[in-house]
N, C-alpha and C. Protein backbone atom coordinates (compact mmCIF):
# COMPACT_ATOMS: atom_id res chain seq x y z
N UNK A 1 -5.20 -1.39 -21.32
CA UNK A 1 -6.24 -1.98 -20.48
C UNK A 1 -7.29 -0.91 -20.20
N UNK A 2 -8.56 -1.28 -20.37
CA UNK A 2 -9.65 -0.35 -20.24
C UNK A 2 -9.79 0.15 -18.81
N UNK A 3 -10.14 1.46 -18.63
CA UNK A 3 -10.38 1.95 -17.26
C UNK A 3 -11.72 1.47 -16.73
N UNK A 4 -12.53 0.84 -17.58
CA UNK A 4 -13.80 0.32 -17.10
C UNK A 4 -13.69 -1.15 -16.64
N UNK A 5 -12.45 -1.64 -16.49
CA UNK A 5 -12.24 -3.03 -16.08
C UNK A 5 -12.85 -3.21 -14.68
N UNK A 6 -13.70 -4.21 -14.46
CA UNK A 6 -14.27 -4.48 -13.13
C UNK A 6 -13.06 -4.62 -12.11
N UNK A 7 -13.20 -3.98 -10.98
CA UNK A 7 -12.11 -3.81 -10.10
C UNK A 7 -11.45 -5.05 -9.64
N UNK A 8 -12.29 -6.16 -9.50
CA UNK A 8 -11.71 -7.41 -8.95
C UNK A 8 -10.90 -8.13 -10.04
N UNK A 9 -10.88 -7.64 -11.26
CA UNK A 9 -10.04 -8.13 -12.32
C UNK A 9 -8.75 -7.39 -12.49
N UNK A 10 -8.58 -6.29 -11.71
CA UNK A 10 -7.33 -5.54 -11.77
C UNK A 10 -6.15 -6.44 -11.31
N UNK A 11 -5.10 -6.63 -12.14
CA UNK A 11 -4.04 -7.50 -11.74
C UNK A 11 -3.31 -6.99 -10.47
N UNK A 12 -3.01 -7.81 -9.49
CA UNK A 12 -2.27 -7.40 -8.35
C UNK A 12 -0.95 -6.82 -8.75
N UNK A 13 -0.59 -5.72 -8.05
CA UNK A 13 0.72 -5.11 -8.30
C UNK A 13 0.70 -4.14 -9.57
N UNK A 14 -0.53 -3.99 -10.16
CA UNK A 14 -0.55 -3.12 -11.34
C UNK A 14 -0.61 -1.67 -11.00
N UNK A 15 -0.83 -1.36 -9.73
CA UNK A 15 -0.89 0.06 -9.32
C UNK A 15 -2.27 0.67 -9.55
N UNK A 16 -3.25 -0.20 -9.98
CA UNK A 16 -4.54 0.38 -10.28
C UNK A 16 -5.55 -0.04 -9.20
N UNK A 17 -5.05 -0.54 -8.10
CA UNK A 17 -5.96 -0.86 -6.97
C UNK A 17 -6.24 0.25 -5.99
N UNK A 18 -5.65 1.38 -6.28
CA UNK A 18 -5.92 2.59 -5.47
C UNK A 18 -5.26 2.50 -4.07
N UNK A 19 -4.24 1.64 -3.87
CA UNK A 19 -3.57 1.53 -2.58
C UNK A 19 -4.37 0.79 -1.61
N UNK A 20 -5.38 0.00 -2.00
CA UNK A 20 -6.18 -0.76 -1.06
C UNK A 20 -5.43 -1.96 -0.58
N UNK A 21 -5.71 -2.37 0.68
CA UNK A 21 -4.94 -3.43 1.27
C UNK A 21 -5.25 -4.75 0.61
N UNK A 22 -4.40 -5.72 0.90
CA UNK A 22 -4.46 -7.06 0.29
C UNK A 22 -5.77 -7.74 0.53
N UNK A 23 -6.25 -7.67 1.79
CA UNK A 23 -7.51 -8.39 2.11
C UNK A 23 -8.68 -7.81 1.36
N UNK A 24 -8.63 -6.58 1.00
CA UNK A 24 -9.76 -5.96 0.26
C UNK A 24 -9.70 -6.42 -1.21
N UNK A 25 -8.55 -6.40 -1.81
CA UNK A 25 -8.44 -6.68 -3.24
C UNK A 25 -8.34 -8.19 -3.51
N UNK A 26 -7.49 -8.87 -2.80
CA UNK A 26 -7.13 -10.25 -3.16
C UNK A 26 -8.16 -11.27 -2.59
N UNK A 27 -8.82 -10.99 -1.49
CA UNK A 27 -9.76 -11.95 -0.94
C UNK A 27 -10.90 -12.22 -1.89
N UNK A 28 -11.54 -11.17 -2.41
CA UNK A 28 -12.63 -11.46 -3.45
C UNK A 28 -12.08 -12.10 -4.69
N UNK A 29 -10.84 -11.80 -5.08
CA UNK A 29 -10.29 -12.42 -6.25
C UNK A 29 -10.10 -13.91 -6.05
N UNK A 30 -9.79 -14.33 -4.84
CA UNK A 30 -9.65 -15.72 -4.44
C UNK A 30 -10.99 -16.47 -4.39
N UNK A 31 -11.99 -15.79 -3.93
CA UNK A 31 -13.30 -16.48 -3.63
C UNK A 31 -14.22 -16.49 -4.86
N UNK A 32 -14.17 -15.41 -5.65
CA UNK A 32 -15.13 -15.27 -6.76
C UNK A 32 -15.06 -16.35 -7.82
N UNK A 33 -13.97 -16.89 -8.21
CA UNK A 33 -14.01 -17.98 -9.20
C UNK A 33 -14.92 -19.16 -8.76
N UNK A 34 -14.84 -19.48 -7.52
CA UNK A 34 -15.67 -20.63 -7.01
C UNK A 34 -17.16 -20.25 -7.01
N UNK A 35 -17.40 -19.02 -6.54
CA UNK A 35 -18.82 -18.55 -6.51
C UNK A 35 -19.38 -18.41 -7.88
N UNK A 36 -18.64 -17.91 -8.82
CA UNK A 36 -19.14 -17.74 -10.20
C UNK A 36 -19.43 -19.09 -10.81
N UNK A 37 -18.58 -20.09 -10.52
CA UNK A 37 -18.83 -21.43 -11.11
C UNK A 37 -20.12 -22.02 -10.63
N UNK A 38 -20.37 -21.93 -9.33
CA UNK A 38 -21.55 -22.48 -8.79
C UNK A 38 -22.80 -21.60 -8.90
N UNK A 39 -22.61 -20.38 -9.44
CA UNK A 39 -23.70 -19.43 -9.62
C UNK A 39 -24.55 -19.18 -8.36
N UNK A 40 -23.78 -19.10 -7.26
CA UNK A 40 -24.48 -18.76 -6.00
C UNK A 40 -23.40 -18.48 -4.93
N UNK A 41 -23.82 -17.95 -3.82
CA UNK A 41 -22.91 -17.62 -2.72
C UNK A 41 -23.22 -16.19 -2.23
N UNK A 42 -22.55 -15.84 -1.17
CA UNK A 42 -22.76 -14.55 -0.51
C UNK A 42 -21.43 -13.91 -0.22
N UNK A 43 -21.30 -12.61 -0.59
CA UNK A 43 -20.14 -11.83 -0.20
C UNK A 43 -20.68 -10.98 0.98
N UNK A 44 -20.06 -11.19 2.17
CA UNK A 44 -20.37 -10.42 3.33
C UNK A 44 -19.22 -9.43 3.60
N UNK A 45 -19.50 -8.14 3.44
CA UNK A 45 -18.46 -7.13 3.64
C UNK A 45 -18.63 -6.52 5.05
N UNK A 46 -17.69 -6.53 5.82
CA UNK A 46 -17.83 -5.99 7.16
C UNK A 46 -17.12 -4.59 7.16
N UNK A 47 -18.00 -3.51 6.99
CA UNK A 47 -17.45 -2.20 6.92
C UNK A 47 -17.58 -1.42 8.20
N UNK A 48 -18.21 -0.27 8.11
CA UNK A 48 -18.30 0.54 9.34
C UNK A 48 -19.37 1.63 9.05
N UNK A 49 -19.93 2.15 10.13
CA UNK A 49 -20.80 3.34 10.05
C UNK A 49 -19.99 4.65 9.84
N UNK A 50 -18.69 4.60 10.06
CA UNK A 50 -17.86 5.78 10.14
C UNK A 50 -17.85 6.60 8.88
N UNK A 51 -18.03 6.04 7.64
CA UNK A 51 -18.08 6.98 6.46
C UNK A 51 -19.32 7.92 6.53
N UNK A 52 -20.36 7.49 7.31
CA UNK A 52 -21.52 8.32 7.47
C UNK A 52 -21.38 9.28 8.62
N UNK A 53 -20.89 8.78 9.75
CA UNK A 53 -20.75 9.70 10.91
C UNK A 53 -19.56 10.60 10.83
N UNK A 54 -18.51 10.24 10.16
CA UNK A 54 -17.32 11.04 9.85
C UNK A 54 -16.88 11.85 11.10
N UNK A 55 -16.46 11.21 12.25
CA UNK A 55 -15.98 11.92 13.37
C UNK A 55 -14.67 12.56 13.11
N UNK A 56 -14.34 13.68 13.79
CA UNK A 56 -13.08 14.41 13.55
C UNK A 56 -11.85 13.57 13.90
N UNK A 57 -10.77 13.90 13.20
CA UNK A 57 -9.40 13.50 13.55
C UNK A 57 -9.14 11.98 13.25
N UNK A 58 -10.00 11.39 12.39
CA UNK A 58 -9.76 9.99 12.02
C UNK A 58 -9.72 9.91 10.47
N UNK A 59 -9.18 10.91 9.82
CA UNK A 59 -9.23 11.01 8.37
C UNK A 59 -8.81 9.79 7.58
N UNK A 60 -7.65 9.22 7.79
CA UNK A 60 -7.25 8.06 6.96
C UNK A 60 -8.19 6.84 7.20
N UNK A 61 -8.61 6.63 8.50
CA UNK A 61 -9.47 5.51 8.75
C UNK A 61 -10.80 5.68 8.05
N UNK A 62 -11.39 6.88 8.22
CA UNK A 62 -12.68 7.17 7.59
C UNK A 62 -12.59 7.06 6.08
N UNK A 63 -11.55 7.56 5.48
CA UNK A 63 -11.39 7.46 4.00
C UNK A 63 -11.29 6.02 3.55
N UNK A 64 -10.55 5.21 4.31
CA UNK A 64 -10.39 3.86 3.88
C UNK A 64 -11.66 3.06 3.92
N UNK A 65 -12.49 3.34 4.98
CA UNK A 65 -13.72 2.66 5.18
C UNK A 65 -14.76 3.14 4.06
N UNK A 66 -14.70 4.42 3.74
CA UNK A 66 -15.57 4.94 2.66
C UNK A 66 -15.22 4.24 1.30
N UNK A 67 -13.94 4.09 1.05
CA UNK A 67 -13.51 3.39 -0.21
C UNK A 67 -13.96 1.90 -0.15
N UNK A 68 -13.81 1.34 0.98
CA UNK A 68 -14.26 -0.13 1.16
C UNK A 68 -15.74 -0.22 0.86
N UNK A 69 -16.53 0.67 1.39
CA UNK A 69 -17.95 0.64 1.15
C UNK A 69 -18.33 0.78 -0.35
N UNK A 70 -17.59 1.73 -0.99
CA UNK A 70 -17.87 1.94 -2.37
C UNK A 70 -17.51 0.73 -3.24
N UNK A 71 -16.44 0.05 -2.88
CA UNK A 71 -16.07 -1.16 -3.63
C UNK A 71 -17.05 -2.25 -3.40
N UNK A 72 -17.59 -2.34 -2.19
CA UNK A 72 -18.61 -3.39 -1.94
C UNK A 72 -19.86 -3.18 -2.78
N UNK A 73 -20.30 -1.88 -2.85
CA UNK A 73 -21.46 -1.59 -3.70
C UNK A 73 -21.14 -1.86 -5.15
N UNK A 74 -19.95 -1.41 -5.66
CA UNK A 74 -19.58 -1.56 -7.03
C UNK A 74 -19.54 -3.09 -7.39
N UNK A 75 -18.98 -3.85 -6.50
CA UNK A 75 -18.84 -5.30 -6.75
C UNK A 75 -20.21 -5.96 -6.80
N UNK A 76 -21.16 -5.48 -6.03
CA UNK A 76 -22.52 -6.00 -5.99
C UNK A 76 -23.18 -6.01 -7.33
N UNK A 77 -22.88 -4.92 -8.13
CA UNK A 77 -23.44 -4.78 -9.47
C UNK A 77 -22.93 -5.94 -10.36
N UNK A 78 -21.65 -6.23 -10.22
CA UNK A 78 -20.97 -7.22 -11.09
C UNK A 78 -21.38 -8.65 -10.72
N UNK A 79 -21.28 -8.96 -9.36
CA UNK A 79 -21.50 -10.31 -9.01
C UNK A 79 -22.93 -10.79 -9.02
N UNK A 80 -23.89 -9.82 -8.98
CA UNK A 80 -25.32 -10.15 -9.01
C UNK A 80 -25.63 -10.93 -10.29
N UNK A 81 -24.88 -10.59 -11.35
CA UNK A 81 -25.12 -11.20 -12.65
C UNK A 81 -24.71 -12.70 -12.65
N UNK A 82 -23.97 -13.11 -11.65
CA UNK A 82 -23.51 -14.48 -11.53
C UNK A 82 -24.25 -15.22 -10.36
N UNK A 83 -25.37 -14.63 -9.89
CA UNK A 83 -26.13 -15.18 -8.85
C UNK A 83 -25.57 -15.07 -7.44
N UNK A 84 -24.64 -14.18 -7.28
CA UNK A 84 -23.96 -13.99 -5.98
C UNK A 84 -24.55 -12.83 -5.26
N UNK A 85 -24.97 -13.10 -3.98
CA UNK A 85 -25.59 -12.05 -3.15
C UNK A 85 -24.49 -11.21 -2.48
N UNK A 86 -24.94 -10.04 -2.04
CA UNK A 86 -24.06 -9.13 -1.33
C UNK A 86 -24.78 -8.58 -0.07
N UNK A 87 -24.14 -8.56 1.07
CA UNK A 87 -24.56 -7.89 2.24
C UNK A 87 -23.42 -7.12 2.83
N UNK A 88 -23.67 -5.84 3.13
CA UNK A 88 -22.69 -4.97 3.81
C UNK A 88 -23.06 -4.80 5.21
N UNK A 89 -22.32 -5.39 6.18
CA UNK A 89 -22.53 -5.23 7.57
C UNK A 89 -21.79 -4.00 8.05
N UNK A 90 -22.50 -3.04 8.68
CA UNK A 90 -21.92 -1.82 9.16
C UNK A 90 -21.90 -1.68 10.69
N UNK A 91 -20.89 -2.13 11.35
CA UNK A 91 -20.78 -1.94 12.78
C UNK A 91 -20.63 -0.49 13.12
N UNK A 92 -21.14 -0.06 14.23
CA UNK A 92 -20.94 1.27 14.77
C UNK A 92 -19.72 1.31 15.58
N UNK A 93 -19.56 2.37 16.42
CA UNK A 93 -18.39 2.55 17.26
C UNK A 93 -18.30 1.38 18.29
N UNK A 94 -17.16 0.74 18.40
CA UNK A 94 -16.91 -0.37 19.35
C UNK A 94 -15.59 -0.03 20.05
N UNK A 95 -15.55 0.94 20.98
CA UNK A 95 -14.30 1.41 21.58
C UNK A 95 -13.67 0.36 22.47
N UNK A 96 -14.49 -0.56 23.06
CA UNK A 96 -13.96 -1.59 23.93
C UNK A 96 -13.84 -2.92 23.15
N UNK A 97 -12.68 -3.60 23.42
CA UNK A 97 -12.51 -4.85 22.65
C UNK A 97 -11.94 -4.72 21.27
N UNK A 98 -11.64 -3.51 20.96
CA UNK A 98 -10.90 -3.24 19.73
C UNK A 98 -9.73 -2.36 19.99
N UNK A 99 -8.88 -2.12 19.01
CA UNK A 99 -7.63 -1.35 19.24
C UNK A 99 -7.34 -0.36 18.12
N UNK A 100 -8.39 0.37 17.63
CA UNK A 100 -8.18 1.25 16.52
C UNK A 100 -7.18 2.33 16.89
N UNK A 101 -7.40 2.94 18.05
CA UNK A 101 -6.53 4.05 18.38
C UNK A 101 -5.13 3.71 18.82
N UNK A 102 -5.06 2.62 19.54
CA UNK A 102 -3.70 2.18 19.99
C UNK A 102 -2.83 1.82 18.89
N UNK A 103 -3.34 1.38 17.76
CA UNK A 103 -2.54 1.02 16.62
C UNK A 103 -2.27 2.15 15.67
N UNK A 104 -2.72 3.33 15.92
CA UNK A 104 -2.52 4.45 15.06
C UNK A 104 -1.15 4.95 15.15
N UNK A 105 -0.50 5.22 14.03
CA UNK A 105 0.84 5.73 13.96
C UNK A 105 0.89 7.24 14.02
N UNK A 106 1.81 7.89 14.75
CA UNK A 106 1.96 9.30 14.76
C UNK A 106 2.46 9.82 13.36
N UNK A 107 2.19 11.05 13.05
CA UNK A 107 2.71 11.63 11.81
C UNK A 107 4.22 11.65 11.81
N UNK A 108 4.82 11.29 10.62
CA UNK A 108 6.26 11.25 10.59
C UNK A 108 6.86 12.67 10.30
N UNK A 109 6.06 13.54 9.74
CA UNK A 109 6.56 14.86 9.43
C UNK A 109 6.43 15.76 10.68
N UNK A 110 7.42 15.83 11.50
CA UNK A 110 7.32 16.52 12.79
C UNK A 110 7.17 18.04 12.56
N UNK A 111 7.76 18.58 11.48
CA UNK A 111 7.65 20.02 11.27
C UNK A 111 6.22 20.42 10.98
N UNK A 112 5.57 19.67 10.13
CA UNK A 112 4.14 19.98 9.79
C UNK A 112 3.27 19.69 11.03
N UNK A 113 3.52 18.61 11.74
CA UNK A 113 2.76 18.28 12.96
C UNK A 113 2.83 19.41 13.93
N UNK A 114 3.96 20.03 14.07
CA UNK A 114 4.14 21.18 15.00
C UNK A 114 3.26 22.34 14.66
N UNK A 115 3.01 22.49 13.34
CA UNK A 115 2.08 23.59 12.92
C UNK A 115 0.62 23.35 13.31
N UNK A 116 0.32 22.07 13.54
CA UNK A 116 -1.03 21.66 13.95
C UNK A 116 -1.16 21.37 15.45
N UNK A 117 -0.17 21.77 16.20
CA UNK A 117 -0.10 21.41 17.62
C UNK A 117 -1.29 21.89 18.39
N UNK A 118 -1.89 22.96 17.95
CA UNK A 118 -3.09 23.51 18.67
C UNK A 118 -4.26 22.53 18.65
N UNK A 119 -4.24 21.57 17.76
CA UNK A 119 -5.27 20.52 17.72
C UNK A 119 -5.03 19.38 18.62
N UNK A 120 -3.82 19.27 19.20
CA UNK A 120 -3.47 18.15 20.01
C UNK A 120 -4.42 17.86 21.17
N UNK A 121 -4.93 18.87 21.89
CA UNK A 121 -5.86 18.60 22.97
C UNK A 121 -7.18 17.95 22.48
N UNK A 122 -7.57 18.39 21.27
CA UNK A 122 -8.84 17.81 20.71
C UNK A 122 -8.59 16.38 20.25
N UNK A 123 -7.46 16.12 19.60
CA UNK A 123 -7.13 14.82 19.13
C UNK A 123 -7.01 13.84 20.35
N UNK A 124 -6.52 14.31 21.43
CA UNK A 124 -6.33 13.48 22.61
C UNK A 124 -7.59 13.01 23.16
N UNK A 125 -8.69 13.68 22.87
CA UNK A 125 -10.02 13.33 23.40
C UNK A 125 -10.79 12.28 22.56
N UNK A 126 -10.18 11.84 21.48
CA UNK A 126 -10.89 11.02 20.49
C UNK A 126 -11.40 9.74 21.13
N UNK A 127 -10.58 8.98 21.81
CA UNK A 127 -11.02 7.70 22.34
C UNK A 127 -12.04 7.90 23.42
N UNK A 128 -11.82 8.83 24.32
CA UNK A 128 -12.79 9.08 25.40
C UNK A 128 -14.13 9.59 24.77
N UNK A 129 -14.11 10.35 23.74
CA UNK A 129 -15.30 10.82 23.17
C UNK A 129 -16.12 9.64 22.61
N UNK A 130 -15.50 8.63 22.04
CA UNK A 130 -16.26 7.49 21.57
C UNK A 130 -16.79 6.62 22.78
N UNK A 131 -15.94 6.56 23.83
CA UNK A 131 -16.49 5.86 25.01
C UNK A 131 -17.73 6.59 25.54
N UNK A 132 -17.77 7.89 25.42
CA UNK A 132 -18.87 8.60 25.93
C UNK A 132 -20.16 8.50 25.19
N UNK A 133 -20.16 7.81 24.07
CA UNK A 133 -21.43 7.54 23.37
C UNK A 133 -22.34 6.61 24.05
N UNK A 134 -21.82 5.91 25.04
CA UNK A 134 -22.58 4.87 25.75
C UNK A 134 -22.82 5.23 27.14
N UNK A 135 -23.99 4.74 27.68
CA UNK A 135 -24.31 4.99 29.06
C UNK A 135 -23.24 4.39 29.97
N UNK A 136 -23.04 4.96 31.22
CA UNK A 136 -22.07 4.40 32.11
C UNK A 136 -22.30 2.90 32.33
N UNK A 137 -21.21 2.15 32.19
CA UNK A 137 -21.25 0.69 32.37
C UNK A 137 -21.65 -0.04 31.10
N UNK A 138 -22.09 0.67 30.08
CA UNK A 138 -22.51 0.01 28.84
C UNK A 138 -21.51 0.24 27.73
N UNK A 139 -21.46 -0.64 26.81
CA UNK A 139 -20.59 -0.47 25.64
C UNK A 139 -21.09 -1.37 24.53
N UNK A 140 -20.49 -1.27 23.33
CA UNK A 140 -20.87 -2.14 22.27
C UNK A 140 -20.10 -3.45 22.36
N UNK A 141 -20.77 -4.56 22.02
CA UNK A 141 -20.21 -5.86 22.11
C UNK A 141 -19.82 -6.34 20.72
N UNK A 142 -18.60 -6.54 20.36
CA UNK A 142 -18.22 -7.06 19.00
C UNK A 142 -18.96 -8.36 18.69
N UNK A 143 -19.37 -9.11 19.68
CA UNK A 143 -20.05 -10.38 19.34
C UNK A 143 -21.37 -10.11 18.66
N UNK A 144 -21.96 -8.95 18.87
CA UNK A 144 -23.20 -8.57 18.20
C UNK A 144 -23.06 -8.56 16.70
N UNK A 145 -21.87 -8.12 16.25
CA UNK A 145 -21.59 -8.09 14.85
C UNK A 145 -21.46 -9.50 14.24
N UNK A 146 -20.79 -10.40 14.99
CA UNK A 146 -20.72 -11.79 14.60
C UNK A 146 -22.06 -12.41 14.51
N UNK A 147 -22.91 -12.15 15.51
CA UNK A 147 -24.27 -12.69 15.56
C UNK A 147 -25.08 -12.26 14.37
N UNK A 148 -24.92 -10.96 13.98
CA UNK A 148 -25.67 -10.46 12.85
C UNK A 148 -25.20 -11.08 11.52
N UNK A 149 -23.91 -11.30 11.39
CA UNK A 149 -23.40 -12.02 10.18
C UNK A 149 -24.03 -13.43 10.10
N UNK A 150 -24.06 -14.08 11.26
CA UNK A 150 -24.58 -15.49 11.27
C UNK A 150 -26.09 -15.41 10.92
N UNK A 151 -26.81 -14.38 11.39
CA UNK A 151 -28.20 -14.30 11.10
C UNK A 151 -28.45 -14.06 9.60
N UNK A 152 -27.67 -13.18 9.06
CA UNK A 152 -27.77 -12.84 7.61
C UNK A 152 -27.52 -14.10 6.79
N UNK A 153 -26.50 -14.86 7.13
CA UNK A 153 -26.14 -15.97 6.33
C UNK A 153 -27.20 -17.14 6.43
N UNK A 154 -28.01 -17.08 7.50
CA UNK A 154 -29.00 -18.07 7.70
C UNK A 154 -30.28 -17.78 6.90
N UNK A 155 -30.38 -16.62 6.34
CA UNK A 155 -31.61 -16.23 5.62
C UNK A 155 -31.61 -16.90 4.24
N UNK A 156 -32.84 -17.18 3.67
CA UNK A 156 -32.88 -17.84 2.37
C UNK A 156 -32.29 -16.93 1.27
N UNK A 157 -31.92 -17.61 0.22
CA UNK A 157 -31.35 -16.88 -1.00
C UNK A 157 -32.37 -15.87 -1.45
N UNK A 158 -31.91 -14.71 -1.69
CA UNK A 158 -32.80 -13.62 -2.19
C UNK A 158 -33.47 -12.79 -1.16
N UNK A 159 -33.33 -13.18 0.12
CA UNK A 159 -33.95 -12.47 1.21
C UNK A 159 -32.89 -11.77 2.18
N UNK A 160 -31.67 -11.80 1.75
CA UNK A 160 -30.66 -11.19 2.61
C UNK A 160 -30.70 -9.66 2.43
N UNK A 161 -30.53 -8.87 3.47
CA UNK A 161 -30.50 -7.39 3.29
C UNK A 161 -29.25 -6.98 2.58
N UNK A 162 -29.34 -5.90 1.78
CA UNK A 162 -28.14 -5.34 1.13
C UNK A 162 -27.26 -4.74 2.21
N UNK A 163 -27.80 -4.11 3.22
CA UNK A 163 -27.05 -3.53 4.33
C UNK A 163 -27.66 -3.96 5.63
N UNK A 164 -26.84 -3.99 6.63
CA UNK A 164 -27.32 -4.25 7.98
C UNK A 164 -26.39 -3.44 8.96
N UNK A 165 -27.01 -2.48 9.66
CA UNK A 165 -26.32 -1.65 10.55
C UNK A 165 -26.40 -2.27 12.02
N UNK A 166 -25.28 -2.39 12.63
CA UNK A 166 -25.19 -2.86 13.98
C UNK A 166 -24.51 -1.80 14.82
N UNK A 167 -25.33 -0.96 15.39
CA UNK A 167 -24.77 0.26 16.05
C UNK A 167 -25.43 0.50 17.41
N UNK A 168 -24.65 0.10 18.44
CA UNK A 168 -25.19 0.31 19.80
C UNK A 168 -25.16 1.73 20.21
N UNK A 169 -24.55 2.62 19.48
CA UNK A 169 -24.52 4.07 19.83
C UNK A 169 -25.71 4.80 19.23
N UNK A 170 -26.50 4.14 18.41
CA UNK A 170 -27.77 4.62 17.84
C UNK A 170 -27.52 6.02 17.14
N UNK A 171 -26.58 6.04 16.22
CA UNK A 171 -26.26 7.30 15.52
C UNK A 171 -27.21 7.65 14.43
N UNK A 172 -28.11 6.77 14.13
CA UNK A 172 -29.11 7.05 13.05
C UNK A 172 -28.59 6.70 11.63
N UNK A 173 -27.48 5.96 11.56
CA UNK A 173 -26.93 5.65 10.26
C UNK A 173 -27.84 4.78 9.40
N UNK A 174 -28.61 3.99 10.05
CA UNK A 174 -29.54 3.10 9.27
C UNK A 174 -30.53 3.96 8.40
N UNK A 175 -30.96 5.05 8.94
CA UNK A 175 -31.91 5.92 8.18
C UNK A 175 -31.13 6.58 7.00
N UNK A 176 -29.91 6.99 7.24
CA UNK A 176 -29.12 7.71 6.21
C UNK A 176 -28.83 6.76 5.01
N UNK A 177 -28.37 5.54 5.33
CA UNK A 177 -27.91 4.64 4.24
C UNK A 177 -29.18 4.10 3.50
N UNK A 178 -30.29 4.01 4.20
CA UNK A 178 -31.55 3.52 3.55
C UNK A 178 -31.94 4.51 2.42
N UNK A 179 -31.84 5.80 2.76
CA UNK A 179 -32.23 6.83 1.78
C UNK A 179 -31.17 6.91 0.71
N UNK A 180 -29.87 6.82 1.09
CA UNK A 180 -28.83 6.88 0.07
C UNK A 180 -28.93 5.70 -0.92
N UNK A 181 -29.22 4.58 -0.39
CA UNK A 181 -29.29 3.41 -1.36
C UNK A 181 -30.47 3.52 -2.24
N UNK A 182 -31.61 4.10 -1.75
CA UNK A 182 -32.74 4.34 -2.64
C UNK A 182 -32.38 5.32 -3.78
N UNK A 183 -31.65 6.39 -3.39
CA UNK A 183 -31.19 7.36 -4.37
C UNK A 183 -30.26 6.73 -5.38
N UNK A 184 -29.30 5.99 -4.86
CA UNK A 184 -28.36 5.31 -5.76
C UNK A 184 -29.02 4.38 -6.73
N UNK A 185 -29.95 3.55 -6.19
CA UNK A 185 -30.68 2.57 -7.08
C UNK A 185 -31.47 3.31 -8.15
N UNK A 186 -32.12 4.39 -7.78
CA UNK A 186 -32.87 5.12 -8.77
C UNK A 186 -31.98 5.68 -9.89
N UNK A 187 -30.79 6.10 -9.52
CA UNK A 187 -29.84 6.62 -10.50
C UNK A 187 -29.34 5.55 -11.44
N UNK A 188 -29.08 4.40 -10.84
CA UNK A 188 -28.59 3.24 -11.61
C UNK A 188 -29.68 2.77 -12.66
N UNK A 189 -30.91 2.85 -12.20
CA UNK A 189 -32.03 2.54 -13.16
C UNK A 189 -32.08 3.57 -14.29
N UNK A 190 -31.88 4.88 -13.92
CA UNK A 190 -31.90 5.92 -14.96
C UNK A 190 -30.80 5.70 -15.95
N UNK A 191 -29.69 5.13 -15.53
CA UNK A 191 -28.60 4.87 -16.42
C UNK A 191 -28.88 3.69 -17.34
N UNK A 192 -29.89 2.89 -17.02
CA UNK A 192 -30.24 1.78 -17.82
C UNK A 192 -29.60 0.45 -17.36
N UNK A 193 -29.17 0.43 -16.12
CA UNK A 193 -28.51 -0.78 -15.58
C UNK A 193 -29.34 -1.46 -14.45
N UNK A 194 -30.67 -1.37 -14.59
CA UNK A 194 -31.51 -1.92 -13.55
C UNK A 194 -31.24 -3.37 -13.26
N UNK A 195 -30.83 -4.14 -14.32
CA UNK A 195 -30.57 -5.57 -14.08
C UNK A 195 -29.45 -5.83 -13.06
N UNK A 196 -28.52 -4.89 -12.89
CA UNK A 196 -27.43 -5.08 -11.94
C UNK A 196 -27.92 -5.07 -10.54
N UNK A 197 -29.15 -4.58 -10.28
CA UNK A 197 -29.71 -4.51 -8.95
C UNK A 197 -30.47 -5.75 -8.60
N UNK A 198 -30.64 -6.64 -9.54
CA UNK A 198 -31.37 -7.85 -9.37
C UNK A 198 -30.47 -9.08 -9.32
N UNK A 199 -30.77 -10.02 -8.45
CA UNK A 199 -29.98 -11.24 -8.37
C UNK A 199 -30.35 -12.22 -9.48
N UNK A 200 -29.46 -12.57 -10.36
CA UNK A 200 -29.74 -13.54 -11.39
C UNK A 200 -29.85 -14.92 -10.85
N UNK A 201 -30.84 -15.67 -11.30
CA UNK A 201 -30.96 -17.10 -10.84
C UNK A 201 -29.79 -17.90 -11.34
């Protein structure tokens, strides 16, 4: 099997999905046959600003979101040729109304953890640090993300943004990804794959 196989064609359980979760790999596999047949549709990927802001002590979460973002971009090249649009929605920090930190599992290797014990006071500040991004009494509302998805889906075909940053902490991620996408698109054109950046009718 070629290593250039489009990722959404990788057979489940083949070990070639890079350890990505079921919802990341299997959801597009389920939806894409219908979208390809009708030669239209929208893939909305709800990622995060965290691959850009990369805050300390959230390594596995940051890495998983970075992989998710890369897959969304890679898939956009493929599905554009079937008339399928892509939008990546990037929420910022939403410490209230979510449970990222409460669901985190402690390290199982206690011996190694003990060697890093001097970091414990810093790690313990992670949740409060994200709360501190907002003015007293203010926070990010998860409903704003849902509203943005609804807005994007209401836009006419061909007018949807490739990315949309919803960040109440105003970390400046929108500026970073705008420049990064321009750089990426220029490189794709240099490679001779400009057509993958355009939505086929």
